[in-house]
Amino acid sequence: MSRPVKHSLTLNGHRTSVSLENEFWRAFCKRAEDLGQPINALAAEIDAARGAETGLATAIRLYVLRNLQAELASVRTARIAANR
């Protein structure tokens, strides 16, 4: 796994940065692309939904993890249905 790298974002007109490992950053960018959203827009949604005790980088990591878990569950469900 790579070391965190600082990435610049603009959230609702405010410049900020997050330090994320390349693997998380790529998965985050891919998700934004899949949704047809700019990266900054998706980051702003995640930022608005996170609690005050959770940092933005952590919130993005958790978003990526939950998204991948949901995709895996969907694949498993499809496999089970196909084997019936």
PDB file of N, CA and C in Angstrom:
ATOM      1  N   MET A   1       0.845  -1.173   0.000  1.00  0.00           N
ATOM      2  CA  MET A   1       0.000   0.000   0.000  1.00  0.00           C
ATOM      3  C   MET A   1       0.891   1.237   0.000  1.00  0.00           C
ATOM      4  N   SER A   2       0.416   2.253  -0.670  1.00  0.00           N
ATOM      5  CA  SER A   2       1.189   3.488  -0.778  1.00  0.00           C
ATOM      6  C   SER A   2       0.989   4.381   0.446  1.00  0.00           C
ATOM      7  N   ARG A   3       1.868   5.341   0.569  1.00  0.00           N
ATOM      8  CA  ARG A   3       1.741   6.348   1.624  1.00  0.00           C
ATOM      9  C   ARG A   3       0.708   7.372   1.187  1.00  0.00           C
ATOM     10  N   PRO A   4       0.055   8.040   2.130  1.00  0.00           N
ATOM     11  CA  PRO A   4      -0.912   9.071   1.751  1.00  0.00           C
ATOM     12  C   PRO A   4      -0.251  10.196   0.952  1.00  0.00           C
ATOM     13  N   VAL A   5      -1.003  10.693  -0.014  1.00  0.00           N
ATOM     14  CA  VAL A   5      -0.575  11.808  -0.858  1.00  0.00           C
ATOM     15  C   VAL A   5      -1.623  12.898  -0.719  1.00  0.00           C
ATOM     16  N   LYS A   6      -1.186  14.145  -0.629  1.00  0.00           N
ATOM     17  CA  LYS A   6      -2.106  15.262  -0.473  1.00  0.00           C
ATOM     18  C   LYS A   6      -2.757  15.582  -1.814  1.00  0.00           C
ATOM     19  N   HIS A   7      -4.087  15.703  -1.807  1.00  0.00           N
ATOM     20  CA  HIS A   7      -4.875  16.030  -2.996  1.00  0.00           C
ATOM     21  C   HIS A   7      -5.703  17.273  -2.697  1.00  0.00           C
ATOM     22  N   SER A   8      -5.728  18.206  -3.635  1.00  0.00           N
ATOM     23  CA  SER A   8      -6.492  19.443  -3.463  1.00  0.00           C
ATOM     24  C   SER A   8      -7.927  19.258  -3.927  1.00  0.00           C
ATOM     25  N   LEU A   9      -8.847  19.832  -3.173  1.00  0.00           N
ATOM     26  CA  LEU A   9     -10.268  19.809  -3.494  1.00  0.00           C
ATOM     27  C   LEU A   9     -10.847  21.194  -3.276  1.00  0.00           C
ATOM     28  N   THR A  10     -11.952  21.469  -3.944  1.00  0.00           N
ATOM     29  CA  THR A  10     -12.711  22.689  -3.697  1.00  0.00           C
ATOM     30  C   THR A  10     -14.117  22.270  -3.307  1.00  0.00           C
ATOM     31  N   LEU A  11     -14.486  22.561  -2.074  1.00  0.00           N
ATOM     32  CA  LEU A  11     -15.798  22.190  -1.550  1.00  0.00           C
ATOM     33  C   LEU A  11     -16.628  23.443  -1.352  1.00  0.00           C
ATOM     34  N   ASN A  12     -17.642  23.595  -2.184  1.00  0.00           N
ATOM     35  CA  ASN A  12     -18.521  24.766  -2.100  1.00  0.00           C
ATOM     36  C   ASN A  12     -17.721  26.066  -2.114  1.00  0.00           C
ATOM     37  N   GLY A  13     -16.757  26.154  -3.015  1.00  0.00           N
ATOM     38  CA  GLY A  13     -15.947  27.354  -3.176  1.00  0.00           C
ATOM     39  C   GLY A  13     -14.786  27.481  -2.210  1.00  0.00           C
ATOM     40  N   HIS A  14     -14.637  26.542  -1.302  1.00  0.00           N
ATOM     41  CA  HIS A  14     -13.571  26.592  -0.292  1.00  0.00           C
ATOM     42  C   HIS A  14     -12.502  25.563  -0.641  1.00  0.00           C
ATOM     43  N   ARG A  15     -11.257  26.023  -0.788  1.00  0.00           N
ATOM     44  CA  ARG A  15     -10.144  25.114  -1.095  1.00  0.00           C
ATOM     45  C   ARG A  15      -9.726  24.368   0.165  1.00  0.00           C
ATOM     46  N   THR A  16      -9.507  23.071  -0.006  1.00  0.00           N
ATOM     47  CA  THR A  16      -9.020  22.235   1.086  1.00  0.00           C
ATOM     48  C   THR A  16      -8.191  21.114   0.483  1.00  0.00           C
ATOM     49  N   SER A  17      -7.617  20.309   1.320  1.00  0.00           N
ATOM     50  CA  SER A  17      -6.861  19.164   0.814  1.00  0.00           C
ATOM     51  C   SER A  17      -7.100  17.975   1.728  1.00  0.00           C
ATOM     52  N   VAL A  18      -6.926  16.797   1.145  1.00  0.00           N
ATOM     53  CA  VAL A  18      -7.027  15.553   1.900  1.00  0.00           C
ATOM     54  C   VAL A  18      -5.809  14.710   1.571  1.00  0.00           C
ATOM     55  N   SER A  19      -5.348  13.972   2.537  1.00  0.00           N
ATOM     56  CA  SER A  19      -4.241  13.042   2.321  1.00  0.00           C
ATOM     57  C   SER A  19      -4.817  11.638   2.262  1.00  0.00           C
ATOM     58  N   LEU A  20      -4.711  11.036   1.076  1.00  0.00           N
ATOM     59  CA  LEU A  20      -5.241   9.693   0.849  1.00  0.00           C
ATOM     60  C   LEU A  20      -4.209   8.840   0.139  1.00  0.00           C
ATOM     61  N   GLU A  21      -4.217   7.563   0.441  1.00  0.00           N
ATOM     62  CA  GLU A  21      -3.393   6.608  -0.282  1.00  0.00           C
ATOM     63  C   GLU A  21      -3.888   6.566  -1.727  1.00  0.00           C
ATOM     64  N   ASN A  22      -2.970   6.303  -2.665  1.00  0.00           N
ATOM     65  CA  ASN A  22      -3.336   6.296  -4.084  1.00  0.00           C
ATOM     66  C   ASN A  22      -4.485   5.337  -4.381  1.00  0.00           C
ATOM     67  N   GLU A  23      -4.518   4.203  -3.707  1.00  0.00           N
ATOM     68  CA  GLU A  23      -5.584   3.227  -3.946  1.00  0.00           C
ATOM     69  C   GLU A  23      -6.956   3.807  -3.601  1.00  0.00           C
ATOM     70  N   PHE A  24      -7.041   4.509  -2.481  1.00  0.00           N
ATOM     71  CA  PHE A  24      -8.308   5.129  -2.102  1.00  0.00           C
ATOM     72  C   PHE A  24      -8.651   6.279  -3.039  1.00  0.00           C
ATOM     73  N   TRP A  25      -7.654   7.080  -3.407  1.00  0.00           N
ATOM     74  CA  TRP A  25      -7.903   8.201  -4.309  1.00  0.00           C
ATOM     75  C   TRP A  25      -8.422   7.705  -5.663  1.00  0.00           C
ATOM     76  N   ARG A  26      -7.800   6.668  -6.202  1.00  0.00           N
ATOM     77  CA  ARG A  26      -8.248   6.126  -7.497  1.00  0.00           C
ATOM     78  C   ARG A  26      -9.667   5.571  -7.401  1.00  0.00           C
ATOM     79  N   ALA A  27      -9.966   4.852  -6.324  1.00  0.00           N
ATOM     80  CA  ALA A  27     -11.316   4.299  -6.152  1.00  0.00           C
ATOM     81  C   ALA A  27     -12.341   5.420  -5.995  1.00  0.00           C
ATOM     82  N   PHE A  28     -11.974   6.480  -5.291  1.00  0.00           N
ATOM     83  CA  PHE A  28     -12.848   7.636  -5.117  1.00  0.00           C
ATOM     84  C   PHE A  28     -13.103   8.317  -6.462  1.00  0.00           C
ATOM     85  N   CYS A  29     -12.060   8.529  -7.237  1.00  0.00           N
ATOM     86  CA  CYS A  29     -12.199   9.159  -8.559  1.00  0.00           C
ATOM     87  C   CYS A  29     -13.041   8.295  -9.488  1.00  0.00           C
ATOM     88  N   LYS A  30     -12.851   6.986  -9.431  1.00  0.00           N
ATOM     89  CA  LYS A  30     -13.627   6.061 -10.268  1.00  0.00           C
ATOM     90  C   LYS A  30     -15.095   6.125  -9.900  1.00  0.00           C
ATOM     91  N   ARG A  31     -15.394   6.199  -8.616  1.00  0.00           N
ATOM     92  CA  ARG A  31     -16.791   6.287  -8.178  1.00  0.00           C
ATOM     93  C   ARG A  31     -17.427   7.578  -8.677  1.00  0.00           C
ATOM     94  N   ALA A  32     -16.721   8.691  -8.578  1.00  0.00           N
ATOM     95  CA  ALA A  32     -17.245   9.960  -9.084  1.00  0.00           C
ATOM     96  C   ALA A  32     -17.519   9.853 -10.583  1.00  0.00           C
ATOM     97  N   GLU A  33     -16.589   9.246 -11.306  1.00  0.00           N
ATOM     98  CA  GLU A  33     -16.759   9.055 -12.747  1.00  0.00           C
ATOM     99  C   GLU A  33     -17.980   8.184 -13.032  1.00  0.00           C
ATOM    100  N   ASP A  34     -18.130   7.083 -12.304  1.00  0.00           N
ATOM    101  CA  ASP A  34     -19.275   6.188 -12.494  1.00  0.00           C
ATOM    102  C   ASP A  34     -20.599   6.903 -12.241  1.00  0.00           C
ATOM    103  N   LEU A  35     -20.595   7.830 -11.302  1.00  0.00           N
ATOM    104  CA  LEU A  35     -21.801   8.594 -10.977  1.00  0.00           C
ATOM    105  C   LEU A  35     -22.009   9.780 -11.915  1.00  0.00           C
ATOM    106  N   GLY A  36     -21.003  10.070 -12.748  1.00  0.00           N
ATOM    107  CA  GLY A  36     -21.082  11.229 -13.634  1.00  0.00           C
ATOM    108  C   GLY A  36     -20.977  12.543 -12.883  1.00  0.00           C
ATOM    109  N   GLN A  37     -20.247  12.516 -11.777  1.00  0.00           N
ATOM    110  CA  GLN A  37     -20.095  13.696 -10.926  1.00  0.00           C
ATOM    111  C   GLN A  37     -18.654  14.165 -10.922  1.00  0.00           C
ATOM    112  N   PRO A  38     -18.448  15.467 -10.832  1.00  0.00           N
ATOM    113  CA  PRO A  38     -17.086  15.943 -10.588  1.00  0.00           C
ATOM    114  C   PRO A  38     -16.610  15.472  -9.210  1.00  0.00           C
ATOM    115  N   ILE A  39     -15.328  15.276  -9.088  1.00  0.00           N
ATOM    116  CA  ILE A  39     -14.747  14.832  -7.815  1.00  0.00           C
ATOM    117  C   ILE A  39     -15.108  15.796  -6.691  1.00  0.00           C
ATOM    118  N   ASN A  40     -15.029  17.090  -6.968  1.00  0.00           N
ATOM    119  CA  ASN A  40     -15.331  18.081  -5.933  1.00  0.00           C
ATOM    120  C   ASN A  40     -16.779  17.985  -5.457  1.00  0.00           C
ATOM    121  N   ALA A  41     -17.705  17.687  -6.366  1.00  0.00           N
ATOM    122  CA  ALA A  41     -19.114  17.571  -5.981  1.00  0.00           C
ATOM    123  C   ALA A  41     -19.331  16.366  -5.068  1.00  0.00           C
ATOM    124  N   LEU A  42     -18.727  15.241  -5.417  1.00  0.00           N
ATOM    125  CA  LEU A  42     -18.862  14.052  -4.570  1.00  0.00           C
ATOM    126  C   LEU A  42     -18.207  14.291  -3.213  1.00  0.00           C
ATOM    127  N   ALA A  43     -17.049  14.921  -3.211  1.00  0.00           N
ATOM    128  CA  ALA A  43     -16.371  15.228  -1.944  1.00  0.00           C
ATOM    129  C   ALA A  43     -17.222  16.159  -1.087  1.00  0.00           C
ATOM    130  N   ALA A  44     -17.901  17.119  -1.715  1.00  0.00           N
ATOM    131  CA  ALA A  44     -18.766  18.036  -0.967  1.00  0.00           C
ATOM    132  C   ALA A  44     -19.942  17.290  -0.342  1.00  0.00           C
ATOM    133  N   GLU A  45     -20.505  16.315  -1.064  1.00  0.00           N
ATOM    134  CA  GLU A  45     -21.593  15.498  -0.506  1.00  0.00           C
ATOM    135  C   GLU A  45     -21.111  14.703   0.704  1.00  0.00           C
ATOM    136  N   ILE A  46     -19.951  14.099   0.569  1.00  0.00           N
ATOM    137  CA  ILE A  46     -19.382  13.316   1.673  1.00  0.00           C
ATOM    138  C   ILE A  46     -19.090  14.231   2.852  1.00  0.00           C
ATOM    139  N   ASP A  47     -18.550  15.409   2.571  1.00  0.00           N
ATOM    140  CA  ASP A  47     -18.227  16.377   3.617  1.00  0.00           C
ATOM    141  C   ASP A  47     -19.478  16.801   4.376  1.00  0.00           C
ATOM    142  N   ALA A  48     -20.563  17.059   3.643  1.00  0.00           N
ATOM    143  CA  ALA A  48     -21.805  17.504   4.275  1.00  0.00           C
ATOM    144  C   ALA A  48     -22.430  16.409   5.142  1.00  0.00           C
ATOM    145  N   ALA A  49     -22.203  15.152   4.774  1.00  0.00           N
ATOM    146  CA  ALA A  49     -22.819  14.035   5.495  1.00  0.00           C
ATOM    147  C   ALA A  49     -22.003  13.550   6.691  1.00  0.00           C
ATOM    148  N   ARG A  50     -20.733  13.932   6.762  1.00  0.00           N
ATOM    149  CA  ARG A  50     -19.880  13.409   7.834  1.00  0.00           C
ATOM    150  C   ARG A  50     -20.148  14.135   9.140  1.00  0.00           C
ATOM    151  N   GLY A  51     -19.868  13.453  10.220  1.00  0.00           N
ATOM    152  CA  GLY A  51     -19.995  14.062  11.533  1.00  0.00           C
ATOM    153  C   GLY A  51     -18.788  14.937  11.836  1.00  0.00           C
ATOM    154  N   ALA A  52     -18.944  15.822  12.788  1.00  0.00           N
ATOM    155  CA  ALA A  52     -17.864  16.745  13.154  1.00  0.00           C
ATOM    156  C   ALA A  52     -16.639  16.008  13.685  1.00  0.00           C
ATOM    157  N   GLU A  53     -16.845  14.808  14.220  1.00  0.00           N
ATOM    158  CA  GLU A  53     -15.734  14.044  14.793  1.00  0.00           C
ATOM    159  C   GLU A  53     -14.963  13.249  13.748  1.00  0.00           C
ATOM    160  N   THR A  54     -15.436  13.251  12.502  1.00  0.00           N
ATOM    161  CA  THR A  54     -14.796  12.480  11.436  1.00  0.00           C
ATOM    162  C   THR A  54     -14.125  13.413  10.446  1.00  0.00           C
ATOM    163  N   GLY A  55     -12.842  13.204  10.208  1.00  0.00           N
ATOM    164  CA  GLY A  55     -12.122  14.007   9.227  1.00  0.00           C
ATOM    165  C   GLY A  55     -12.559  13.665   7.810  1.00  0.00           C
ATOM    166  N   LEU A  56     -12.331  14.586   6.885  1.00  0.00           N
ATOM    167  CA  LEU A  56     -12.751  14.383   5.502  1.00  0.00           C
ATOM    168  C   LEU A  56     -12.050  13.192   4.867  1.00  0.00           C
ATOM    169  N   ALA A  57     -10.757  13.033   5.088  1.00  0.00           N
ATOM    170  CA  ALA A  57     -10.038  11.893   4.503  1.00  0.00           C
ATOM    171  C   ALA A  57     -10.619  10.574   5.009  1.00  0.00           C
ATOM    172  N   THR A  58     -10.909  10.505   6.297  1.00  0.00           N
ATOM    173  CA  THR A  58     -11.519   9.298   6.857  1.00  0.00           C
ATOM    174  C   THR A  58     -12.894   9.067   6.256  1.00  0.00           C
ATOM    175  N   ALA A  59     -13.678  10.124   6.115  1.00  0.00           N
ATOM    176  CA  ALA A  59     -15.019   9.999   5.538  1.00  0.00           C
ATOM    177  C   ALA A  59     -14.951   9.490   4.100  1.00  0.00           C
ATOM    178  N   ILE A  60     -13.971   9.955   3.336  1.00  0.00           N
ATOM    179  CA  ILE A  60     -13.815   9.479   1.959  1.00  0.00           C
ATOM    180  C   ILE A  60     -13.406   8.012   1.954  1.00  0.00           C
ATOM    181  N   ARG A  61     -12.474   7.632   2.807  1.00  0.00           N
ATOM    182  CA  ARG A  61     -12.071   6.221   2.886  1.00  0.00           C
ATOM    183  C   ARG A  61     -13.266   5.328   3.224  1.00  0.00           C
ATOM    184  N   LEU A  62     -14.058   5.746   4.207  1.00  0.00           N
ATOM    185  CA  LEU A  62     -15.228   4.960   4.599  1.00  0.00           C
ATOM    186  C   LEU A  62     -16.255   4.903   3.474  1.00  0.00           C
ATOM    187  N   TYR A  63     -16.427   5.996   2.748  1.00  0.00           N
ATOM    188  CA  TYR A  63     -17.337   6.017   1.603  1.00  0.00           C
ATOM    189  C   TYR A  63     -16.887   5.004   0.557  1.00  0.00           C
ATOM    190  N   VAL A  64     -15.607   5.021   0.240  1.00  0.00           N
ATOM    191  CA  VAL A  64     -15.057   4.077  -0.744  1.00  0.00           C
ATOM    192  C   VAL A  64     -15.257   2.643  -0.256  1.00  0.00           C
ATOM    193  N   LEU A  65     -14.928   2.376   0.997  1.00  0.00           N
ATOM    194  CA  LEU A  65     -15.077   1.035   1.555  1.00  0.00           C
ATOM    195  C   LEU A  65     -16.526   0.569   1.491  1.00  0.00           C
ATOM    196  N   ARG A  66     -17.451   1.407   1.930  1.00  0.00           N
ATOM    197  CA  ARG A  66     -18.869   1.027   1.932  1.00  0.00           C
ATOM    198  C   ARG A  66     -19.376   0.787   0.518  1.00  0.00           C
ATOM    199  N   ASN A  67     -18.929   1.610  -0.421  1.00  0.00           N
ATOM    200  CA  ASN A  67     -19.332   1.435  -1.813  1.00  0.00           C
ATOM    201  C   ASN A  67     -18.841   0.105  -2.362  1.00  0.00           C
ATOM    202  N   LEU A  68     -17.589  -0.226  -2.090  1.00  0.00           N
ATOM    203  CA  LEU A  68     -17.042  -1.497  -2.563  1.00  0.00           C
ATOM    204  C   LEU A  68     -17.719  -2.685  -1.882  1.00  0.00           C
ATOM    205  N   GLN A  69     -18.050  -2.544  -0.602  1.00  0.00           N
ATOM    206  CA  GLN A  69     -18.771  -3.609   0.095  1.00  0.00           C
ATOM    207  C   GLN A  69     -20.150  -3.827  -0.526  1.00  0.00           C
ATOM    208  N   ALA A  70     -20.826  -2.738  -0.886  1.00  0.00           N
ATOM    209  CA  ALA A  70     -22.145  -2.847  -1.517  1.00  0.00           C
ATOM    210  C   ALA A  70     -22.037  -3.520  -2.882  1.00  0.00           C
ATOM    211  N   GLU A  71     -21.003  -3.176  -3.648  1.00  0.00           N
ATOM    212  CA  GLU A  71     -20.794  -3.817  -4.946  1.00  0.00           C
ATOM    213  C   GLU A  71     -20.535  -5.311  -4.779  1.00  0.00           C
ATOM    214  N   LEU A  72     -19.737  -5.671  -3.801  1.00  0.00           N
ATOM    215  CA  LEU A  72     -19.444  -7.082  -3.544  1.00  0.00           C
ATOM    216  C   LEU A  72     -20.710  -7.835  -3.149  1.00  0.00           C
ATOM    217  N   ALA A  73     -21.523  -7.239  -2.304  1.00  0.00           N
ATOM    218  CA  ALA A  73     -22.779  -7.873  -1.897  1.00  0.00           C
ATOM    219  C   ALA A  73     -23.691  -8.078  -3.101  1.00  0.00           C
ATOM    220  N   SER A  74     -23.712  -7.116  -4.001  1.00  0.00           N
ATOM    221  CA  SER A  74     -24.528  -7.226  -5.208  1.00  0.00           C
ATOM    222  C   SER A  74     -24.052  -8.368  -6.099  1.00  0.00           C
ATOM    223  N   VAL A  75     -22.744  -8.493  -6.246  1.00  0.00           N
ATOM    224  CA  VAL A  75     -22.175  -9.583  -7.047  1.00  0.00           C
ATOM    225  C   VAL A  75     -22.507 -10.930  -6.413  1.00  0.00           C
ATOM    226  N   ARG A  76     -22.378 -11.013  -5.107  1.00  0.00           N
ATOM    227  CA  ARG A  76     -22.695 -12.270  -4.409  1.00  0.00           C
ATOM    228  C   ARG A  76     -24.163 -12.640  -4.589  1.00  0.00           C
ATOM    229  N   THR A  77     -25.039 -11.658  -4.467  1.00  0.00           N
ATOM    230  CA  THR A  77     -26.467 -11.904  -4.644  1.00  0.00           C
ATOM    231  C   THR A  77     -26.757 -12.395  -6.058  1.00  0.00           C
ATOM    232  N   ALA A  78     -26.121 -11.783  -7.047  1.00  0.00           N
ATOM    233  CA  ALA A  78     -26.318 -12.199  -8.441  1.00  0.00           C
ATOM    234  C   ALA A  78     -25.821 -13.624  -8.663  1.00  0.00           C
ATOM    235  N   ARG A  79     -24.707 -13.977  -8.057  1.00  0.00           N
ATOM    236  CA  ARG A  79     -24.176 -15.343  -8.193  1.00  0.00           C
ATOM    237  C   ARG A  79     -25.113 -16.367  -7.570  1.00  0.00           C
ATOM    238  N   ILE A  80     -25.636 -16.037  -6.410  1.00  0.00           N
ATOM    239  CA  ILE A  80     -26.568 -16.948  -5.739  1.00  0.00           C
ATOM    240  C   ILE A  80     -27.811 -17.139  -6.604  1.00  0.00           C
ATOM    241  N   ALA A  81     -28.335 -16.046  -7.140  1.00  0.00           N
ATOM    242  CA  ALA A  81     -29.527 -16.125  -7.989  1.00  0.00           C
ATOM    243  C   ALA A  81     -29.250 -16.930  -9.252  1.00  0.00           C
ATOM    244  N   ALA A  82     -28.067 -16.799  -9.815  1.00  0.00           N
ATOM    245  CA  ALA A  82     -27.711 -17.514 -11.042  1.00  0.00           C
ATOM    246  C   ALA A  82     -27.555 -19.008 -10.803  1.00  0.00           C
ATOM    247  N   ASN A  83     -27.208 -19.390  -9.589  1.00  0.00           N
ATOM    248  CA  ASN A  83     -26.995 -20.804  -9.271  1.00  0.00           C
ATOM    249  C   ASN A  83     -28.270 -21.526  -8.845  1.00  0.00           C
ATOM    250  N   ARG A  84     -29.367 -20.836  -8.827  1.00  0.00           N
ATOM    251  CA  ARG A  84     -30.634 -21.473  -8.414  1.00  0.00           C
ATOM    252  C   ARG A  84     -31.290 -22.144  -9.578  1.00  0.00           C
TER     253      ARG A  84
END
